Amino acid sequence: MEEIKENNTQQNNITSSRGCCSVLGSRQEDLFVNQLRCCKLSSYDWLSDYADPLTKSEFNVVEVRFKNGRKDFFTFPSEMTLKKGEVVAVETSPGHDIGIITLVGELVRVQMKRKKVDPEKNDLKRIFRHARATDIEKWLDVIEMENPTMLKSRSIAIDLDLAMKINDVEYQGDKTKAIFYYTANERVDFRELIRKLADTFKVRIEMKQIGVRQEAAKVGGIGPCGRELCCSSYMSDFCSVSTSSARIQQLSLNPQKLAGQCGKLKCCLNYEVDDYIETLKEFPDSSVPLNTKKGKAYYIKSEVFRKTMWYAYAGESNNMMAIPIDKVKYILDENKKGKLPDELEKFAEKNTQVGIVDANGTDDVSGYI
C-alpha cells in the first residue's frame, strides 16, 4: 500500500511539473484519458485513424514535450514502436533528456509544416530508447530538486544585487544541465551568477529569458471572467495584442480593465476580433448623418453582432434610437436621391434602451422607448 502511494506521488510530481494535471484512477487507462482533458501540452490526434494510401512508409518522427511548454521533434529507428504518452530518452548536446511523446504518425508531419520545420533539411535529434527504470528514477530525483534549486538561486541573485527574477528551473533528465528561466526589465550581466550557480549545483548552467506573459502562465491565477488564466490552462503560444483590437470591438481604452495579471493587454482581446472585422464590413459609414424632415441624426454607437447602429437627433443625445444597418443603408440611399424620411422613430427597433453617453464613453441607461 505504501509503495502504491509513493508511486502515485511520483507520478503526480511528473504531471504537475511537466504541464499536466491528471488525476489517477483505479485503472491504468484513466491516466491517459485525464491527460487529454487537461494537459495544455497535449495535442488531439485527429488523423489517428487515417491511412494515406500514397504513403509507402511510416513517418519516423515524433513530437516530444518537456517542461514549460517546450516541445521538439525527434527521429526514431523504424524497428522501434512508439505510442503517445510514452516516456522516452532523447538526444541532447551533451547527454540525454527525458520527455513524453505527444504526437505520432501523420499529424506530426502536419505539425512540422505548421511550425516551419523541414524534416529533409533540418538535422533532427534522435530518440535513443524507451526510458528505463533507472532513467525514470533519476528523472524523478531531478524533478524533486527543481523547486529547492529555484529558491536557492533566487537568494544567490539577491546577494549579487541583480535586477532579475528567477521564475523556474528545469533540470535535464540525466542531471548534467539545468535551465534557469528568468525575467528582467533591463539587460543583466549574470556572468558571476552563472559561476556561482555552477559551483553550487555542480551542473552546466543555461540562462533563458522569458516574457511577463510566460511568467504569468507559470504563476497562474483567476482572471476577471472567473476562470483560470488562459495562459495557465491551455495557451502555449502567445500572439501580440494591440489596442486596435480593443478599438475594433468598441471597448473603452481603460488600461486597468484591458490589462491582464501580467500587465500586458489581455490575450482574450484577440479571440473575437476577426468576427468583429468581418461583421463591420457590412456597416455603412458612421460619419455620414441621417437627414430627415425632423432634422439631422448623428451616429452615437454600434452593436456589432446585433447589426444595429444608434442615432440621436442633434441636441437630443438623451433620445437614442437603435436602427438596423439595412434600414440605415436605405435611409442613406434615399438621402442621396434627395428624399427625406419623415422621422427616424418608425425605423427604430421597438423596446430598445435609451441612454445618455457621458464624457467617458460609457452608457447611462435611463429608460425605454
Protein backbone atom coordinates (compact mmCIF):
# COMPACT_ATOMS: atom_id res chain seq x y z
CA MET A 1 0.00 0.00 0.00
CA GLU A 2 2.81 2.39 0.89
CA GLU A 3 4.53 1.55 -2.40
CA ILE A 4 1.36 2.46 -4.31
CA LYS A 5 1.13 5.80 -2.51
CA GLU A 6 4.79 6.51 -3.31
CA ASN A 7 4.26 5.70 -6.99
CA ASN A 8 1.19 7.97 -7.08
CA THR A 9 3.19 10.79 -5.50
CA GLN A 10 5.98 10.38 -8.04
CA GLN A 11 3.52 10.33 -10.91
CA ASN A 12 1.85 13.49 -9.62
CA ASN A 13 5.29 15.15 -9.49
CA ILE A 14 5.81 14.36 -13.17
CA THR A 15 2.40 15.53 -14.28
CA SER A 16 2.32 18.71 -12.21
CA SER A 17 5.80 19.86 -13.23
CA ARG A 18 5.57 18.80 -16.88
CA GLY A 19 2.41 20.71 -17.79
CA CYS A 20 -0.20 18.11 -16.89
CA CYS A 21 -2.76 17.89 -14.12
CA SER A 22 -4.06 14.33 -14.39
CA VAL A 23 -6.00 12.54 -11.66
CA LEU A 24 -5.05 8.94 -11.02
CA GLY A 25 -7.82 6.35 -11.00
CA SER A 26 -8.04 2.67 -10.30
CA ARG A 27 -7.47 1.75 -13.93
CA GLN A 28 -4.32 2.34 -15.95
CA GLU A 29 -6.21 3.96 -18.84
CA ASP A 30 -7.68 6.60 -16.51
CA LEU A 31 -4.38 8.49 -16.52
CA PHE A 32 -4.33 8.72 -20.31
CA VAL A 33 -7.94 9.94 -20.51
CA ASN A 34 -7.45 12.62 -17.86
CA GLN A 35 -4.25 13.85 -19.50
CA LEU A 36 -6.08 14.52 -22.75
CA ARG A 37 -8.67 16.61 -21.00
CA CYS A 38 -6.49 18.95 -19.00
CA CYS A 39 -2.88 18.89 -20.21
CA LYS A 40 -2.13 22.11 -22.06
CA LEU A 41 0.81 20.45 -23.84
CA SER A 42 -1.26 17.56 -25.23
CA SER A 43 -2.50 17.57 -28.82
CA TYR A 44 -5.61 15.87 -30.17
CA ASP A 45 -4.66 13.49 -32.96
CA TRP A 46 -7.47 13.87 -35.48
CA LEU A 47 -5.51 11.75 -38.00
CA SER A 48 -5.13 8.74 -35.69
CA ASP A 49 -7.43 6.52 -37.79
CA TYR A 50 -6.31 7.88 -41.16
CA ALA A 51 -4.11 5.86 -43.51
CA ASP A 52 -2.71 7.68 -46.55
CA PRO A 53 -2.58 5.21 -49.49
CA LEU A 54 0.13 7.33 -51.15
CA THR A 55 2.46 6.97 -48.16
CA LYS A 56 4.73 3.99 -48.66
CA SER A 57 6.35 4.01 -45.23
CA GLU A 58 5.57 5.34 -41.80
CA PHE A 59 6.73 8.79 -40.79
CA ASN A 60 9.55 8.14 -38.33
CA VAL A 61 9.34 11.45 -36.49
CA VAL A 62 7.51 12.12 -33.21
CA GLU A 63 6.80 15.21 -31.14
CA VAL A 64 8.07 15.14 -27.56
CA ARG A 65 7.18 17.57 -24.77
CA PHE A 66 9.28 18.61 -21.82
CA LYS A 67 8.75 21.27 -19.15
CA ASN A 68 7.42 24.81 -19.55
CA GLY A 69 5.70 24.32 -22.89
CA ARG A 70 8.92 23.16 -24.54
CA LYS A 71 8.38 20.75 -27.42
CA ASP A 72 10.64 19.38 -30.13
CA PHE A 73 10.69 16.83 -32.96
CA PHE A 74 12.83 13.68 -32.87
CA THR A 75 13.52 10.85 -35.28
CA PHE A 76 13.47 7.19 -34.28
CA PRO A 77 14.54 3.95 -35.99
CA SER A 78 11.91 2.00 -37.92
CA GLU A 79 12.24 -1.07 -35.70
CA MET A 80 11.11 0.96 -32.66
CA THR A 81 7.39 1.21 -31.88
CA LEU A 82 6.31 4.37 -30.10
CA LYS A 83 2.92 5.42 -28.74
CA LYS A 84 1.51 8.68 -27.49
CA GLY A 85 2.12 9.20 -23.78
CA GLU A 86 5.24 7.05 -23.51
CA VAL A 87 8.32 8.28 -21.67
CA VAL A 88 11.47 8.23 -23.82
CA ALA A 89 15.15 9.13 -23.60
CA VAL A 90 16.14 11.62 -26.31
CA GLU A 91 19.40 13.00 -27.64
CA THR A 92 20.68 16.33 -26.35
CA SER A 93 24.02 18.11 -26.57
CA PRO A 94 25.58 16.80 -24.44
CA GLY A 95 23.96 13.80 -22.75
CA HIS A 96 20.30 12.81 -22.92
CA ASP A 97 16.98 14.13 -21.68
CA ILE A 98 13.68 12.53 -20.70
CA GLY A 99 10.42 13.57 -22.37
CA ILE A 100 6.86 12.45 -23.01
CA ILE A 101 5.59 11.71 -26.53
CA THR A 102 2.68 13.95 -27.55
CA LEU A 103 2.20 13.12 -31.23
CA VAL A 104 2.95 10.21 -33.54
CA GLY A 105 2.06 9.42 -37.14
CA GLU A 106 0.95 11.69 -39.96
CA LEU A 107 -0.16 14.54 -37.71
CA VAL A 108 3.50 15.11 -36.83
CA ARG A 109 4.14 15.95 -40.49
CA VAL A 110 1.31 18.50 -40.37
CA GLN A 111 2.64 19.94 -37.11
CA MET A 112 6.14 20.29 -38.57
CA LYS A 113 4.74 22.12 -41.57
CA ARG A 114 2.81 24.48 -39.28
CA LYS A 115 5.95 25.23 -37.27
CA LYS A 116 8.02 25.55 -40.48
CA VAL A 117 10.32 22.64 -39.68
CA ASP A 118 11.57 20.76 -42.74
CA PRO A 119 12.45 17.12 -41.88
CA GLU A 120 14.56 16.86 -45.04
CA LYS A 121 16.76 19.89 -44.39
CA ASN A 122 16.90 20.02 -40.60
CA ASP A 123 19.22 17.77 -38.65
CA LEU A 124 16.74 16.37 -36.13
CA LYS A 125 17.95 14.75 -32.94
CA ARG A 126 17.22 11.10 -32.21
CA ILE A 127 15.24 9.10 -29.70
CA PHE A 128 17.62 6.66 -28.03
CA ARG A 129 15.19 4.26 -26.34
CA HIS A 130 12.19 3.89 -24.12
CA ALA A 131 13.03 5.27 -20.70
CA ARG A 132 14.44 2.59 -18.42
CA ALA A 133 13.65 2.26 -14.74
CA THR A 134 16.99 3.86 -13.86
CA ASP A 135 16.27 6.76 -16.25
CA ILE A 136 12.89 7.44 -14.68
CA GLU A 137 14.31 7.12 -11.16
CA LYS A 138 16.97 9.75 -11.89
CA TRP A 139 14.34 11.88 -13.63
CA LEU A 140 12.14 11.82 -10.54
CA ASP A 141 15.12 12.81 -8.40
CA VAL A 142 15.94 15.88 -10.51
CA ILE A 143 12.27 16.92 -10.59
CA GLU A 144 12.30 16.94 -6.79
CA MET A 145 15.41 19.16 -6.90
CA GLU A 146 13.94 21.84 -9.17
CA ASN A 147 11.92 23.83 -6.62
CA PRO A 148 14.69 23.96 -3.95
CA THR A 149 17.18 24.89 -6.66
CA MET A 150 14.97 27.76 -7.80
CA LEU A 151 14.66 29.13 -4.25
CA LYS A 152 18.41 28.85 -3.65
CA SER A 153 19.24 30.53 -6.96
CA ARG A 154 16.94 33.44 -6.09
CA SER A 155 18.84 34.08 -2.89
CA ILE A 156 22.14 33.99 -4.81
CA ALA A 157 20.80 36.53 -7.32
CA ILE A 158 19.66 38.80 -4.47
CA ASP A 159 23.08 38.59 -2.83
CA LEU A 160 24.65 39.69 -6.13
CA ASP A 161 22.16 42.60 -6.32
CA LEU A 162 20.93 41.61 -9.80
CA ALA A 163 17.74 43.22 -11.12
CA MET A 164 16.20 39.96 -12.26
CA LYS A 165 13.75 37.33 -11.05
CA ILE A 166 14.34 33.61 -11.49
CA ASN A 167 10.94 32.10 -12.24
CA ASP A 168 11.66 28.43 -12.75
CA VAL A 169 14.34 25.77 -13.11
CA GLU A 170 14.35 22.79 -15.45
CA TYR A 171 16.89 20.01 -14.98
CA GLN A 172 17.93 17.84 -17.89
CA GLY A 173 16.91 14.22 -17.44
CA ASP A 174 20.48 12.97 -16.92
CA LYS A 175 21.21 15.70 -14.33
CA THR A 176 24.07 17.24 -16.32
CA LYS A 177 22.45 20.59 -17.18
CA ALA A 178 19.91 22.98 -15.67
CA ILE A 179 17.96 25.71 -17.46
CA PHE A 180 17.16 28.79 -15.36
CA TYR A 181 14.19 30.82 -16.64
CA TYR A 182 14.21 34.47 -15.60
CA THR A 183 12.55 37.81 -16.26
CA ALA A 184 14.28 41.20 -16.24
CA ASN A 185 13.29 44.70 -17.30
CA GLU A 186 16.83 45.61 -18.38
CA ARG A 187 19.94 43.90 -19.65
CA VAL A 188 21.58 41.87 -16.86
CA ASP A 189 25.22 40.84 -16.58
CA PHE A 190 24.85 37.41 -14.96
CA ARG A 191 28.34 36.02 -15.63
CA GLU A 192 29.16 35.99 -11.93
CA LEU A 193 25.75 34.42 -11.22
CA ILE A 194 26.47 31.57 -13.65
CA ARG A 195 29.80 30.86 -11.95
CA LYS A 196 28.17 30.77 -8.51
CA LEU A 197 25.30 28.58 -9.73
CA ALA A 198 27.72 26.13 -11.37
CA ASP A 199 29.81 25.92 -8.18
CA THR A 200 26.71 25.44 -6.01
CA PHE A 201 24.78 22.88 -8.05
CA LYS A 202 27.65 21.18 -9.97
CA VAL A 203 25.86 21.21 -13.34
CA ARG A 204 26.12 23.10 -16.63
CA ILE A 205 24.05 26.30 -16.45
CA GLU A 206 21.88 27.78 -19.19
CA MET A 207 20.05 31.08 -18.65
CA LYS A 208 16.88 31.67 -20.67
CA GLN A 209 14.94 34.92 -20.51
CA ILE A 210 11.16 34.78 -20.75
CA GLY A 211 8.48 37.46 -21.02
CA VAL A 212 5.92 38.55 -18.49
CA ARG A 213 3.21 36.55 -20.27
CA GLN A 214 5.19 33.34 -19.77
CA GLU A 215 5.77 34.32 -16.15
CA ALA A 216 2.03 34.77 -15.58
CA ALA A 217 1.45 31.34 -17.13
CA LYS A 218 3.79 29.80 -14.55
CA VAL A 219 2.32 31.66 -11.57
CA GLY A 220 -1.30 31.12 -12.64
CA GLY A 221 -4.39 32.71 -11.16
CA ILE A 222 -8.04 33.56 -11.78
CA GLY A 223 -8.98 36.14 -14.38
CA PRO A 224 -11.76 38.77 -14.10
CA CYS A 225 -14.01 36.37 -16.02
CA GLY A 226 -13.86 33.97 -13.08
CA ARG A 227 -11.96 31.26 -14.94
CA GLU A 228 -8.37 30.09 -14.72
CA LEU A 229 -5.96 32.21 -16.75
CA CYS A 230 -5.88 31.11 -20.41
CA CYS A 231 -2.07 31.14 -20.41
CA SER A 232 -2.05 28.72 -17.45
CA SER A 233 -4.80 26.39 -18.64
CA TYR A 234 -4.25 25.84 -22.36
CA MET A 235 -2.24 28.53 -24.19
CA SER A 236 1.33 27.61 -25.15
CA ASP A 237 1.91 30.22 -27.90
CA PHE A 238 1.45 33.94 -27.37
CA CYS A 239 0.47 36.39 -30.13
CA SER A 240 0.96 40.13 -29.94
CA VAL A 241 -2.08 42.10 -28.74
CA SER A 242 -2.56 45.75 -29.71
CA THR A 243 -5.01 48.44 -28.71
CA SER A 244 -6.53 48.26 -32.20
CA SER A 245 -8.22 45.02 -31.12
CA ALA A 246 -9.98 46.96 -28.35
CA ARG A 247 -10.92 49.80 -30.71
CA ILE A 248 -12.42 47.42 -33.26
CA GLN A 249 -14.56 45.86 -30.51
CA GLN A 250 -15.50 49.36 -29.32
CA LEU A 251 -14.13 48.80 -25.83
CA SER A 252 -13.23 51.64 -23.53
CA LEU A 253 -9.46 52.17 -23.65
CA ASN A 254 -9.05 51.84 -19.91
CA PRO A 255 -5.61 50.33 -19.16
CA GLN A 256 -6.76 48.91 -15.83
CA LYS A 257 -9.55 46.92 -17.49
CA LEU A 258 -7.68 45.89 -20.63
CA ALA A 259 -4.52 44.68 -18.88
CA GLY A 260 -4.19 41.15 -17.53
CA GLN A 261 -2.31 39.92 -14.50
CA CYS A 262 0.93 40.09 -16.48
CA GLY A 263 0.48 43.84 -17.00
CA LYS A 264 0.13 43.41 -20.77
CA LEU A 265 -3.06 43.61 -22.82
CA LYS A 266 -5.30 40.60 -22.27
CA CYS A 267 -4.84 37.76 -24.75
CA CYS A 268 -8.63 37.33 -24.95
CA LEU A 269 -8.88 40.66 -26.80
CA ASN A 270 -7.84 38.72 -29.91
CA TYR A 271 -10.45 35.97 -29.57
CA GLU A 272 -13.38 37.71 -31.31
CA VAL A 273 -11.62 40.48 -33.22
CA ASP A 274 -11.76 38.58 -36.55
CA ASP A 275 -15.54 38.20 -36.25
CA TYR A 276 -15.84 41.91 -35.50
CA ILE A 277 -13.75 42.81 -38.54
CA GLU A 278 -15.88 40.63 -40.84
CA THR A 279 -19.17 41.93 -39.43
CA LEU A 280 -18.10 45.58 -39.53
CA LYS A 281 -17.55 45.29 -43.28
CA GLU A 282 -21.36 45.26 -43.64
CA PHE A 283 -21.77 48.54 -41.72
CA PRO A 284 -22.21 51.84 -43.59
CA ASP A 285 -20.05 54.91 -42.97
CA SER A 286 -20.88 56.19 -39.48
CA SER A 287 -19.53 59.69 -40.19
CA VAL A 288 -22.44 60.48 -42.51
CA PRO A 289 -25.54 61.81 -40.64
CA LEU A 290 -29.06 60.69 -41.45
CA ASN A 291 -31.22 63.51 -42.84
CA THR A 292 -34.94 63.51 -42.03
CA LYS A 293 -37.71 66.08 -42.14
CA LYS A 294 -37.48 66.21 -38.36
CA GLY A 295 -33.77 67.05 -38.51
CA LYS A 296 -30.31 65.51 -38.76
CA ALA A 297 -29.49 62.42 -36.71
CA TYR A 298 -25.90 61.66 -35.77
CA TYR A 299 -24.23 58.35 -35.05
CA ILE A 300 -23.65 57.51 -31.36
CA LYS A 301 -22.51 53.87 -31.18
CA SER A 302 -22.95 50.39 -32.69
CA GLU A 303 -23.92 46.95 -31.50
CA VAL A 304 -21.85 44.93 -33.92
CA PHE A 305 -23.29 41.42 -33.63
CA ARG A 306 -26.86 42.70 -33.42
CA LYS A 307 -26.07 44.70 -36.56
CA THR A 308 -27.66 47.86 -35.24
CA MET A 309 -26.47 51.47 -35.14
CA TRP A 310 -27.60 54.02 -32.55
CA TYR A 311 -28.51 57.54 -33.69
CA ALA A 312 -29.81 60.65 -31.95
CA TYR A 313 -31.12 63.96 -33.27
CA ALA A 314 -28.85 66.97 -32.91
CA GLY A 315 -29.21 68.35 -29.40
CA GLU A 316 -31.18 65.30 -28.21
CA SER A 317 -28.45 62.94 -27.06
CA ASN A 318 -30.78 61.55 -24.38
CA ASN A 319 -33.09 60.14 -27.03
CA MET A 320 -31.08 57.47 -28.83
CA MET A 321 -32.63 55.03 -31.30
CA ALA A 322 -31.31 51.64 -32.43
CA ILE A 323 -31.70 51.22 -36.18
CA PRO A 324 -30.76 48.04 -38.12
CA ILE A 325 -27.97 48.57 -40.62
CA ASP A 326 -30.14 47.60 -43.61
CA LYS A 327 -32.53 50.43 -42.73
CA VAL A 328 -29.59 52.81 -42.22
CA LYS A 329 -28.37 51.94 -45.72
CA TYR A 330 -31.89 52.54 -47.06
CA ILE A 331 -32.07 56.00 -45.45
CA LEU A 332 -28.62 56.91 -46.79
CA ASP A 333 -29.65 55.83 -50.30
CA GLU A 334 -32.82 57.94 -50.03
CA ASN A 335 -30.75 60.92 -48.89
CA LYS A 336 -28.51 60.57 -51.93
CA LYS A 337 -31.63 60.75 -54.11
CA GLY A 338 -32.70 63.92 -52.31
CA LYS A 339 -35.54 62.25 -50.39
CA LEU A 340 -36.03 62.76 -46.65
CA PRO A 341 -37.96 60.33 -44.42
CA ASP A 342 -40.46 61.90 -42.04
CA GLU A 343 -38.68 60.70 -38.88
CA LEU A 344 -36.29 58.00 -37.59
CA GLU A 345 -38.70 56.65 -35.00
CA LYS A 346 -40.52 54.46 -37.50
CA PHE A 347 -37.22 52.77 -38.46
CA ALA A 348 -36.04 52.20 -34.88
CA GLU A 349 -36.30 48.85 -33.14
CA LYS A 350 -39.01 48.53 -30.52
CA ASN A 351 -38.20 48.14 -26.79
CA THR A 352 -34.69 49.47 -27.24
CA GLN A 353 -32.93 51.25 -24.43
CA VAL A 354 -32.50 54.99 -24.34
CA GLY A 355 -29.17 56.07 -22.87
CA ILE A 356 -27.02 59.09 -22.27
CA VAL A 357 -23.39 58.80 -23.28
CA ASP A 358 -21.17 60.55 -20.76
CA ALA A 359 -17.75 62.07 -21.30
CA ASN A 360 -16.02 58.75 -20.60
CA GLY A 361 -17.90 56.96 -23.37
CA THR A 362 -20.00 54.78 -21.04
CA ASP A 363 -23.77 54.39 -21.23
CA ASP A 364 -26.13 55.61 -18.54
CA VAL A 365 -29.37 53.77 -19.21
CA SER A 366 -32.35 55.94 -18.34
CA GLY A 367 -35.42 54.23 -19.81
CA TYR A 368 -37.10 52.55 -22.74
CA ILE A 369 -38.98 53.63 -25.85
